[in-house]
Amino acid sequence: MALLTASHDKLLGYLMSVLGRWHDAQDVLQSSSLLMWRKFETYESGSNFVAWASTICFYEAKNFQRRTARSHLKFDDDLLATLASERLVDLDLQGLRIAALEQCLNEVGPAERELLRTAYAEHGGITELAARLQRTPRTLYNKLTLLRRRLTECVQRRLQEGGV
């Protein structure tokens, strides 16, 4: 259970990249967690838990897509497998990117951090924040674009320098 809890965010991000919808990813992670619980005896202690769990998540996501048939995009199984495996490799670097982002966020002023928090942690609210700050939403969206660019460049620079 501790392994699953520690890997929750990585697996959710992995499922988001496969499914594209937050609620779908949460539903599939929940069903995958139950399946992992039932199949835990097949996990080899000391091996890569995220790789094992993501395999289960991948097949649960495929089953979910077949059952719901919501997506207008239809990918063949080979393409889905390729995308999922590339995302799994990307998950290994996620910790480094998050550490770099945290360092870069420390370089951002308090007002800019509040804007980022409102936009991302609270999943929106830009219109309300614009009214509160007596600015137009477009102004805040432009500011967000500049902040995202600045943070992206900072993260890339830190990763290249190995300063994480």
N, C-alpha and C. Protein backbone atom coordinates (compact mmCIF):
# COMPACT_ATOMS: atom_id res chain seq x y z
N MET A 1 0.82 -1.19 0.00
CA MET A 1 0.00 0.00 0.00
C MET A 1 0.87 1.27 0.00
N ALA A 2 1.99 1.21 0.72
CA ALA A 2 2.88 2.37 0.77
C ALA A 2 3.47 2.66 -0.61
N LEU A 3 3.78 1.61 -1.37
CA LEU A 3 4.31 1.81 -2.71
C LEU A 3 3.30 2.51 -3.61
N LEU A 4 2.05 2.09 -3.50
CA LEU A 4 0.99 2.70 -4.32
C LEU A 4 0.78 4.15 -3.92
N THR A 5 0.75 4.42 -2.64
CA THR A 5 0.57 5.79 -2.16
C THR A 5 1.70 6.69 -2.64
N ALA A 6 2.93 6.19 -2.56
CA ALA A 6 4.09 6.98 -2.98
C ALA A 6 4.10 7.21 -4.49
N SER A 7 3.46 6.33 -5.25
CA SER A 7 3.47 6.42 -6.71
C SER A 7 2.21 7.03 -7.28
N HIS A 8 1.28 7.40 -6.44
CA HIS A 8 -0.04 7.87 -6.88
C HIS A 8 0.04 8.98 -7.92
N ASP A 9 0.79 10.04 -7.64
CA ASP A 9 0.85 11.18 -8.55
C ASP A 9 1.50 10.82 -9.89
N LYS A 10 2.54 9.98 -9.84
CA LYS A 10 3.18 9.55 -11.09
C LYS A 10 2.19 8.75 -11.94
N LEU A 11 1.47 7.83 -11.30
CA LEU A 11 0.53 7.00 -12.05
C LEU A 11 -0.63 7.83 -12.59
N LEU A 12 -1.09 8.80 -11.81
CA LEU A 12 -2.16 9.67 -12.28
C LEU A 12 -1.69 10.50 -13.48
N GLY A 13 -0.48 11.02 -13.42
CA GLY A 13 0.08 11.75 -14.55
C GLY A 13 0.23 10.87 -15.78
N TYR A 14 0.66 9.65 -15.54
CA TYR A 14 0.79 8.67 -16.63
C TYR A 14 -0.57 8.43 -17.28
N LEU A 15 -1.59 8.22 -16.49
CA LEU A 15 -2.93 7.98 -17.03
C LEU A 15 -3.49 9.22 -17.72
N MET A 16 -3.17 10.40 -17.21
CA MET A 16 -3.59 11.63 -17.88
C MET A 16 -3.01 11.70 -19.28
N SER A 17 -1.76 11.28 -19.42
CA SER A 17 -1.13 11.34 -20.74
C SER A 17 -1.73 10.30 -21.69
N VAL A 18 -2.24 9.22 -21.15
CA VAL A 18 -2.84 8.18 -21.99
C VAL A 18 -4.30 8.52 -22.32
N LEU A 19 -5.04 9.03 -21.31
CA LEU A 19 -6.48 9.24 -21.47
C LEU A 19 -6.86 10.68 -21.82
N GLY A 20 -6.10 11.64 -21.33
CA GLY A 20 -6.36 13.04 -21.68
C GLY A 20 -7.41 13.74 -20.85
N ARG A 21 -8.11 13.04 -19.99
CA ARG A 21 -9.15 13.67 -19.15
C ARG A 21 -8.90 13.32 -17.69
N TRP A 22 -8.93 14.35 -16.85
CA TRP A 22 -8.63 14.22 -15.43
C TRP A 22 -9.54 13.20 -14.75
N HIS A 23 -10.84 13.32 -14.95
CA HIS A 23 -11.78 12.42 -14.27
C HIS A 23 -11.64 10.99 -14.76
N ASP A 24 -11.38 10.82 -16.05
CA ASP A 24 -11.16 9.47 -16.58
C ASP A 24 -9.92 8.86 -15.95
N ALA A 25 -8.85 9.65 -15.86
CA ALA A 25 -7.61 9.16 -15.27
C ALA A 25 -7.82 8.76 -13.81
N GLN A 26 -8.59 9.55 -13.08
CA GLN A 26 -8.88 9.21 -11.68
C GLN A 26 -9.68 7.92 -11.58
N ASP A 27 -10.68 7.76 -12.43
CA ASP A 27 -11.49 6.54 -12.43
C ASP A 27 -10.64 5.32 -12.73
N VAL A 28 -9.79 5.43 -13.75
CA VAL A 28 -8.96 4.30 -14.14
C VAL A 28 -7.93 4.01 -13.05
N LEU A 29 -7.38 5.03 -12.41
CA LEU A 29 -6.43 4.79 -11.33
C LEU A 29 -7.10 4.06 -10.18
N GLN A 30 -8.33 4.41 -9.90
CA GLN A 30 -9.05 3.73 -8.82
C GLN A 30 -9.26 2.25 -9.16
N SER A 31 -9.72 1.96 -10.37
CA SER A 31 -9.92 0.55 -10.74
C SER A 31 -8.58 -0.18 -10.83
N SER A 32 -7.54 0.51 -11.30
CA SER A 32 -6.21 -0.10 -11.37
C SER A 32 -5.68 -0.41 -9.98
N SER A 33 -5.95 0.47 -9.03
CA SER A 33 -5.49 0.26 -7.65
C SER A 33 -6.11 -1.01 -7.07
N LEU A 34 -7.39 -1.20 -7.33
CA LEU A 34 -8.04 -2.43 -6.86
C LEU A 34 -7.41 -3.66 -7.50
N LEU A 35 -7.14 -3.58 -8.77
CA LEU A 35 -6.52 -4.70 -9.47
C LEU A 35 -5.10 -4.95 -8.95
N MET A 36 -4.37 -3.88 -8.69
CA MET A 36 -3.02 -4.03 -8.13
C MET A 36 -3.07 -4.72 -6.78
N TRP A 37 -4.05 -4.34 -5.99
CA TRP A 37 -4.22 -4.93 -4.67
C TRP A 37 -4.44 -6.45 -4.80
N ARG A 38 -5.28 -6.84 -5.76
CA ARG A 38 -5.56 -8.26 -5.96
C ARG A 38 -4.37 -9.01 -6.55
N LYS A 39 -3.56 -8.33 -7.36
CA LYS A 39 -2.45 -8.99 -8.05
C LYS A 39 -1.10 -8.70 -7.40
N PHE A 40 -1.11 -8.15 -6.21
CA PHE A 40 0.16 -7.71 -5.60
C PHE A 40 1.15 -8.86 -5.43
N GLU A 41 0.68 -10.09 -5.30
CA GLU A 41 1.61 -11.21 -5.14
C GLU A 41 2.45 -11.43 -6.40
N THR A 42 2.04 -10.85 -7.54
CA THR A 42 2.85 -10.99 -8.76
C THR A 42 3.96 -9.95 -8.84
N TYR A 43 3.90 -8.93 -7.98
CA TYR A 43 4.95 -7.92 -7.96
C TYR A 43 6.18 -8.50 -7.28
N GLU A 44 7.34 -8.33 -7.91
CA GLU A 44 8.59 -8.81 -7.34
C GLU A 44 9.18 -7.72 -6.46
N SER A 45 9.25 -7.97 -5.18
CA SER A 45 9.77 -7.00 -4.22
C SER A 45 11.17 -6.54 -4.65
N GLY A 46 11.38 -5.24 -4.60
CA GLY A 46 12.66 -4.66 -4.97
C GLY A 46 12.75 -4.24 -6.43
N SER A 47 11.78 -4.67 -7.24
CA SER A 47 11.79 -4.25 -8.65
C SER A 47 11.09 -2.89 -8.77
N ASN A 48 11.01 -2.38 -9.97
CA ASN A 48 10.44 -1.06 -10.23
C ASN A 48 8.92 -1.12 -10.10
N PHE A 49 8.41 -0.63 -8.99
CA PHE A 49 6.97 -0.68 -8.74
C PHE A 49 6.20 0.15 -9.76
N VAL A 50 6.71 1.33 -10.11
CA VAL A 50 5.99 2.20 -11.05
C VAL A 50 5.87 1.51 -12.40
N ALA A 51 6.90 0.82 -12.84
CA ALA A 51 6.82 0.10 -14.12
C ALA A 51 5.75 -0.99 -14.04
N TRP A 52 5.74 -1.75 -12.96
CA TRP A 52 4.74 -2.80 -12.78
C TRP A 52 3.33 -2.21 -12.74
N ALA A 53 3.16 -1.16 -11.93
CA ALA A 53 1.85 -0.54 -11.76
C ALA A 53 1.38 0.13 -13.05
N SER A 54 2.30 0.75 -13.78
CA SER A 54 1.90 1.44 -15.01
C SER A 54 1.46 0.45 -16.08
N THR A 55 2.00 -0.75 -16.05
CA THR A 55 1.54 -1.78 -16.98
C THR A 55 0.08 -2.12 -16.70
N ILE A 56 -0.25 -2.27 -15.44
CA ILE A 56 -1.65 -2.53 -15.06
C ILE A 56 -2.52 -1.34 -15.45
N CYS A 57 -2.04 -0.13 -15.17
CA CYS A 57 -2.80 1.07 -15.52
C CYS A 57 -3.02 1.16 -17.03
N PHE A 58 -2.01 0.81 -17.81
CA PHE A 58 -2.12 0.87 -19.27
C PHE A 58 -3.25 -0.03 -19.76
N TYR A 59 -3.28 -1.26 -19.29
CA TYR A 59 -4.32 -2.18 -19.75
C TYR A 59 -5.70 -1.79 -19.21
N GLU A 60 -5.74 -1.25 -18.02
CA GLU A 60 -7.02 -0.75 -17.51
C GLU A 60 -7.50 0.45 -18.32
N ALA A 61 -6.57 1.31 -18.74
CA ALA A 61 -6.94 2.47 -19.57
C ALA A 61 -7.47 2.01 -20.93
N LYS A 62 -6.83 1.00 -21.51
CA LYS A 62 -7.32 0.47 -22.78
C LYS A 62 -8.73 -0.11 -22.62
N ASN A 63 -8.94 -0.84 -21.54
CA ASN A 63 -10.28 -1.39 -21.29
C ASN A 63 -11.30 -0.27 -21.08
N PHE A 64 -10.88 0.76 -20.37
CA PHE A 64 -11.77 1.90 -20.13
C PHE A 64 -12.16 2.55 -21.45
N GLN A 65 -11.18 2.75 -22.32
CA GLN A 65 -11.47 3.37 -23.62
C GLN A 65 -12.41 2.52 -24.46
N ARG A 66 -12.23 1.23 -24.40
CA ARG A 66 -13.14 0.35 -25.14
C ARG A 66 -14.56 0.42 -24.59
N ARG A 67 -14.66 0.41 -23.25
CA ARG A 67 -15.99 0.44 -22.61
C ARG A 67 -16.72 1.75 -22.86
N THR A 68 -16.01 2.85 -22.74
CA THR A 68 -16.68 4.15 -22.83
C THR A 68 -16.78 4.67 -24.25
N ALA A 69 -15.79 4.35 -25.07
CA ALA A 69 -15.76 4.80 -26.47
C ALA A 69 -16.08 6.28 -26.61
N ARG A 70 -15.58 7.09 -25.64
CA ARG A 70 -15.84 8.53 -25.65
C ARG A 70 -14.95 9.28 -26.63
N SER A 71 -13.76 8.81 -26.77
CA SER A 71 -12.79 9.55 -27.55
C SER A 71 -13.13 9.52 -29.03
N HIS A 72 -13.01 10.69 -29.66
CA HIS A 72 -13.19 10.77 -31.11
C HIS A 72 -11.93 10.29 -31.81
N LEU A 73 -10.82 10.30 -31.06
CA LEU A 73 -9.56 9.84 -31.62
C LEU A 73 -9.45 8.34 -31.39
N LYS A 74 -9.11 7.64 -32.41
CA LYS A 74 -8.94 6.19 -32.31
C LYS A 74 -7.50 5.84 -32.64
N PHE A 75 -6.78 5.36 -31.64
CA PHE A 75 -5.39 4.97 -31.83
C PHE A 75 -5.31 3.45 -31.82
N ASP A 76 -4.43 2.92 -32.66
CA ASP A 76 -4.27 1.47 -32.61
C ASP A 76 -3.43 1.10 -31.38
N ASP A 77 -3.47 -0.17 -31.04
CA ASP A 77 -2.82 -0.63 -29.81
C ASP A 77 -1.31 -0.40 -29.83
N ASP A 78 -0.67 -0.52 -31.00
CA ASP A 78 0.77 -0.30 -31.07
C ASP A 78 1.14 1.14 -30.75
N LEU A 79 0.36 2.08 -31.28
CA LEU A 79 0.63 3.49 -30.99
C LEU A 79 0.41 3.79 -29.51
N LEU A 80 -0.68 3.29 -28.95
CA LEU A 80 -0.94 3.49 -27.52
C LEU A 80 0.20 2.92 -26.68
N ALA A 81 0.69 1.75 -27.04
CA ALA A 81 1.79 1.14 -26.29
C ALA A 81 3.05 2.00 -26.39
N THR A 82 3.32 2.54 -27.57
CA THR A 82 4.49 3.40 -27.76
C THR A 82 4.36 4.67 -26.92
N LEU A 83 3.21 5.31 -26.99
CA LEU A 83 2.99 6.53 -26.20
C LEU A 83 3.12 6.25 -24.72
N ALA A 84 2.54 5.16 -24.27
CA ALA A 84 2.59 4.82 -22.85
C ALA A 84 4.03 4.52 -22.40
N SER A 85 4.79 3.81 -23.20
CA SER A 85 6.17 3.50 -22.80
C SER A 85 7.03 4.76 -22.79
N GLU A 86 6.81 5.67 -23.74
CA GLU A 86 7.56 6.93 -23.73
C GLU A 86 7.21 7.76 -22.51
N ARG A 87 5.95 7.74 -22.14
CA ARG A 87 5.53 8.49 -20.95
C ARG A 87 6.14 7.88 -19.70
N LEU A 88 6.29 6.57 -19.66
CA LEU A 88 6.89 5.91 -18.51
C LEU A 88 8.34 6.34 -18.34
N VAL A 89 9.08 6.44 -19.43
CA VAL A 89 10.46 6.92 -19.37
C VAL A 89 10.47 8.36 -18.85
N ASP A 90 9.52 9.16 -19.33
CA ASP A 90 9.41 10.55 -18.92
C ASP A 90 9.14 10.68 -17.43
N LEU A 91 8.41 9.72 -16.85
CA LEU A 91 8.10 9.76 -15.42
C LEU A 91 9.36 9.68 -14.57
N ASP A 92 10.38 8.98 -15.06
CA ASP A 92 11.62 8.88 -14.31
C ASP A 92 12.29 10.24 -14.12
N LEU A 93 12.08 11.15 -15.06
CA LEU A 93 12.68 12.48 -14.99
C LEU A 93 11.81 13.48 -14.24
N GLN A 94 10.59 13.07 -13.92
CA GLN A 94 9.63 13.99 -13.31
C GLN A 94 10.14 14.59 -12.01
N GLY A 95 10.76 13.78 -11.17
CA GLY A 95 11.27 14.29 -9.89
C GLY A 95 12.28 15.40 -10.06
N LEU A 96 13.17 15.23 -11.04
CA LEU A 96 14.18 16.27 -11.31
C LEU A 96 13.52 17.56 -11.79
N ARG A 97 12.53 17.41 -12.69
CA ARG A 97 11.84 18.60 -13.20
C ARG A 97 11.08 19.32 -12.09
N ILE A 98 10.47 18.57 -11.20
CA ILE A 98 9.72 19.18 -10.09
C ILE A 98 10.68 19.93 -9.16
N ALA A 99 11.81 19.32 -8.86
CA ALA A 99 12.79 19.99 -8.00
C ALA A 99 13.29 21.28 -8.65
N ALA A 100 13.55 21.23 -9.95
CA ALA A 100 14.00 22.43 -10.67
C ALA A 100 12.91 23.49 -10.66
N LEU A 101 11.66 23.07 -10.89
CA LEU A 101 10.55 24.02 -10.88
C LEU A 101 10.40 24.67 -9.52
N GLU A 102 10.54 23.91 -8.45
CA GLU A 102 10.43 24.49 -7.10
C GLU A 102 11.51 25.55 -6.88
N GLN A 103 12.73 25.27 -7.35
CA GLN A 103 13.79 26.27 -7.23
C GLN A 103 13.47 27.51 -8.04
N CYS A 104 12.93 27.31 -9.24
CA CYS A 104 12.60 28.45 -10.10
C CYS A 104 11.45 29.26 -9.51
N LEU A 105 10.49 28.59 -8.89
CA LEU A 105 9.37 29.30 -8.27
C LEU A 105 9.84 30.20 -7.13
N ASN A 106 10.95 29.82 -6.48
CA ASN A 106 11.50 30.65 -5.41
C ASN A 106 12.04 31.97 -5.94
N GLU A 107 12.30 32.03 -7.25
CA GLU A 107 12.81 33.26 -7.87
C GLU A 107 11.68 34.18 -8.32
N VAL A 108 10.45 33.72 -8.23
CA VAL A 108 9.28 34.48 -8.68
C VAL A 108 8.74 35.26 -7.49
N GLY A 109 8.26 36.48 -7.76
CA GLY A 109 7.72 37.32 -6.70
C GLY A 109 6.41 36.78 -6.14
N PRO A 110 5.99 37.29 -4.97
CA PRO A 110 4.78 36.80 -4.32
C PRO A 110 3.50 36.99 -5.16
N ALA A 111 3.38 38.11 -5.85
CA ALA A 111 2.18 38.35 -6.66
C ALA A 111 2.12 37.37 -7.83
N GLU A 112 3.28 37.11 -8.41
CA GLU A 112 3.33 36.15 -9.52
C GLU A 112 3.04 34.73 -9.04
N ARG A 113 3.55 34.39 -7.85
CA ARG A 113 3.28 33.06 -7.28
C ARG A 113 1.78 32.91 -7.00
N GLU A 114 1.14 33.97 -6.52
CA GLU A 114 -0.30 33.93 -6.26
C GLU A 114 -1.09 33.71 -7.55
N LEU A 115 -0.67 34.37 -8.60
CA LEU A 115 -1.32 34.20 -9.89
C LEU A 115 -1.18 32.75 -10.37
N LEU A 116 0.01 32.19 -10.26
CA LEU A 116 0.24 30.80 -10.65
C LEU A 116 -0.58 29.84 -9.79
N ARG A 117 -0.61 30.09 -8.50
CA ARG A 117 -1.37 29.23 -7.59
C ARG A 117 -2.85 29.26 -7.94
N THR A 118 -3.37 30.45 -8.19
CA THR A 118 -4.79 30.59 -8.54
C THR A 118 -5.09 29.88 -9.85
N ALA A 119 -4.21 30.04 -10.81
CA ALA A 119 -4.45 29.46 -12.14
C ALA A 119 -4.33 27.94 -12.14
N TYR A 120 -3.40 27.40 -11.37
CA TYR A 120 -3.12 25.98 -11.47
C TYR A 120 -3.57 25.18 -10.26
N ALA A 121 -3.28 25.63 -9.08
CA ALA A 121 -3.66 24.86 -7.89
C ALA A 121 -5.16 24.91 -7.65
N GLU A 122 -5.77 26.03 -7.99
CA GLU A 122 -7.21 26.17 -7.80
C GLU A 122 -7.98 25.89 -9.09
N HIS A 123 -7.29 25.43 -10.12
CA HIS A 123 -7.89 25.06 -11.41
C HIS A 123 -8.75 26.18 -11.99
N GLY A 124 -8.17 27.35 -12.11
CA GLY A 124 -8.88 28.44 -12.78
C GLY A 124 -9.06 29.62 -11.85
N GLY A 125 -10.19 30.24 -11.94
CA GLY A 125 -10.47 31.38 -11.10
C GLY A 125 -9.82 32.66 -11.58
N ILE A 126 -9.36 32.71 -12.82
CA ILE A 126 -8.69 33.90 -13.34
C ILE A 126 -9.66 35.07 -13.43
N THR A 127 -10.88 34.80 -13.85
CA THR A 127 -11.88 35.87 -13.96
C THR A 127 -12.13 36.51 -12.61
N GLU A 128 -12.26 35.67 -11.58
CA GLU A 128 -12.49 36.20 -10.22
C GLU A 128 -11.26 36.96 -9.72
N LEU A 129 -10.08 36.41 -9.99
CA LEU A 129 -8.85 37.09 -9.56
C LEU A 129 -8.70 38.42 -10.30
N ALA A 130 -9.04 38.46 -11.58
CA ALA A 130 -8.95 39.70 -12.34
C ALA A 130 -9.88 40.75 -11.75
N ALA A 131 -11.08 40.36 -11.39
CA ALA A 131 -12.02 41.31 -10.78
C ALA A 131 -11.48 41.81 -9.44
N ARG A 132 -10.93 40.90 -8.66
CA ARG A 132 -10.38 41.27 -7.35
C ARG A 132 -9.20 42.24 -7.49
N LEU A 133 -8.38 42.03 -8.54
CA LEU A 133 -7.21 42.90 -8.75
C LEU A 133 -7.51 44.11 -9.63
N GLN A 134 -8.75 44.19 -10.09
CA GLN A 134 -9.20 45.26 -10.99
C GLN A 134 -8.35 45.30 -12.26
N ARG A 135 -8.20 44.11 -12.85
CA ARG A 135 -7.50 43.95 -14.12
C ARG A 135 -8.38 43.11 -15.03
N THR A 136 -8.05 43.13 -16.30
CA THR A 136 -8.82 42.30 -17.23
C THR A 136 -8.26 40.87 -17.19
N PRO A 137 -9.13 39.89 -17.44
CA PRO A 137 -8.63 38.51 -17.50
C PRO A 137 -7.53 38.35 -18.56
N ARG A 138 -7.66 39.05 -19.69
CA ARG A 138 -6.64 38.96 -20.75
C ARG A 138 -5.28 39.38 -20.23
N THR A 139 -5.23 40.42 -19.39
CA THR A 139 -3.97 40.87 -18.82
C THR A 139 -3.33 39.77 -17.99
N LEU A 140 -4.16 39.09 -17.19
CA LEU A 140 -3.63 38.01 -16.36
C LEU A 140 -3.20 36.81 -17.20
N TYR A 141 -3.96 36.49 -18.24
CA TYR A 141 -3.56 35.40 -19.12
C TYR A 141 -2.24 35.71 -19.82
N ASN A 142 -2.05 36.96 -20.23
CA ASN A 142 -0.78 37.37 -20.84
C ASN A 142 0.37 37.23 -19.83
N LYS A 143 0.10 37.63 -18.61
CA LYS A 143 1.10 37.51 -17.54
C LYS A 143 1.45 36.04 -17.30
N LEU A 144 0.43 35.18 -17.32
CA LEU A 144 0.65 33.74 -17.16
C LEU A 144 1.52 33.17 -18.28
N THR A 145 1.28 33.63 -19.49
CA THR A 145 2.08 33.18 -20.63
C THR A 145 3.55 33.54 -20.42
N LEU A 146 3.80 34.77 -20.00
CA LEU A 146 5.17 35.20 -19.75
C LEU A 146 5.81 34.42 -18.61
N LEU A 147 5.03 34.19 -17.54
CA LEU A 147 5.54 33.43 -16.40
C LEU A 147 5.87 31.99 -16.80
N ARG A 148 4.98 31.37 -17.56
CA ARG A 148 5.23 29.99 -18.02
C ARG A 148 6.51 29.92 -18.85
N ARG A 149 6.68 30.89 -19.73
CA ARG A 149 7.89 30.91 -20.57
C ARG A 149 9.13 31.08 -19.69
N ARG A 150 9.06 32.00 -18.74
CA ARG A 150 10.20 32.25 -17.86
C ARG A 150 10.53 31.02 -17.01
N LEU A 151 9.49 30.37 -16.48
CA LEU A 151 9.70 29.17 -15.67
C LEU A 151 10.23 28.01 -16.51
N THR A 152 9.71 27.86 -17.71
CA THR A 152 10.19 26.80 -18.60
C THR A 152 11.67 26.98 -18.90
N GLU A 153 12.07 28.20 -19.22
CA GLU A 153 13.48 28.47 -19.50
C GLU A 153 14.34 28.23 -18.28
N CYS A 154 13.84 28.62 -17.11
CA CYS A 154 14.58 28.42 -15.87
C CYS A 154 14.75 26.92 -15.58
N VAL A 155 13.68 26.15 -15.72
CA VAL A 155 13.75 24.71 -15.47
C VAL A 155 14.72 24.05 -16.44
N GLN A 156 14.61 24.39 -17.71
CA GLN A 156 15.52 23.81 -18.71
C GLN A 156 16.96 24.15 -18.40
N ARG A 157 17.21 25.40 -18.01
CA ARG A 157 18.57 25.83 -17.68
C ARG A 157 19.11 25.04 -16.48
N ARG A 158 18.29 24.89 -15.45
CA ARG A 158 18.73 24.16 -14.25
C ARG A 158 18.98 22.69 -14.55
N LEU A 159 18.14 22.10 -15.39
CA LEU A 159 18.35 20.69 -15.75
C LEU A 159 19.63 20.51 -16.56
N GLN A 160 19.89 21.44 -17.48
CA GLN A 160 21.11 21.36 -18.29
C GLN A 160 22.35 21.55 -17.44
N GLU A 161 22.25 22.46 -16.47
CA GLU A 161 23.40 22.73 -15.61
C GLU A 161 23.56 21.67 -14.54
N GLY A 162 22.51 20.87 -14.33
CA GLY A 162 22.56 19.86 -13.28
C GLY A 162 22.46 20.47 -11.91
N GLY A 163 21.89 21.67 -11.83
CA GLY A 163 21.78 22.39 -10.56
C GLY A 163 20.55 22.03 -9.75
N VAL A 164 20.12 20.80 -9.85
CA VAL A 164 18.93 20.39 -9.09
C VAL A 164 19.34 19.50 -7.96
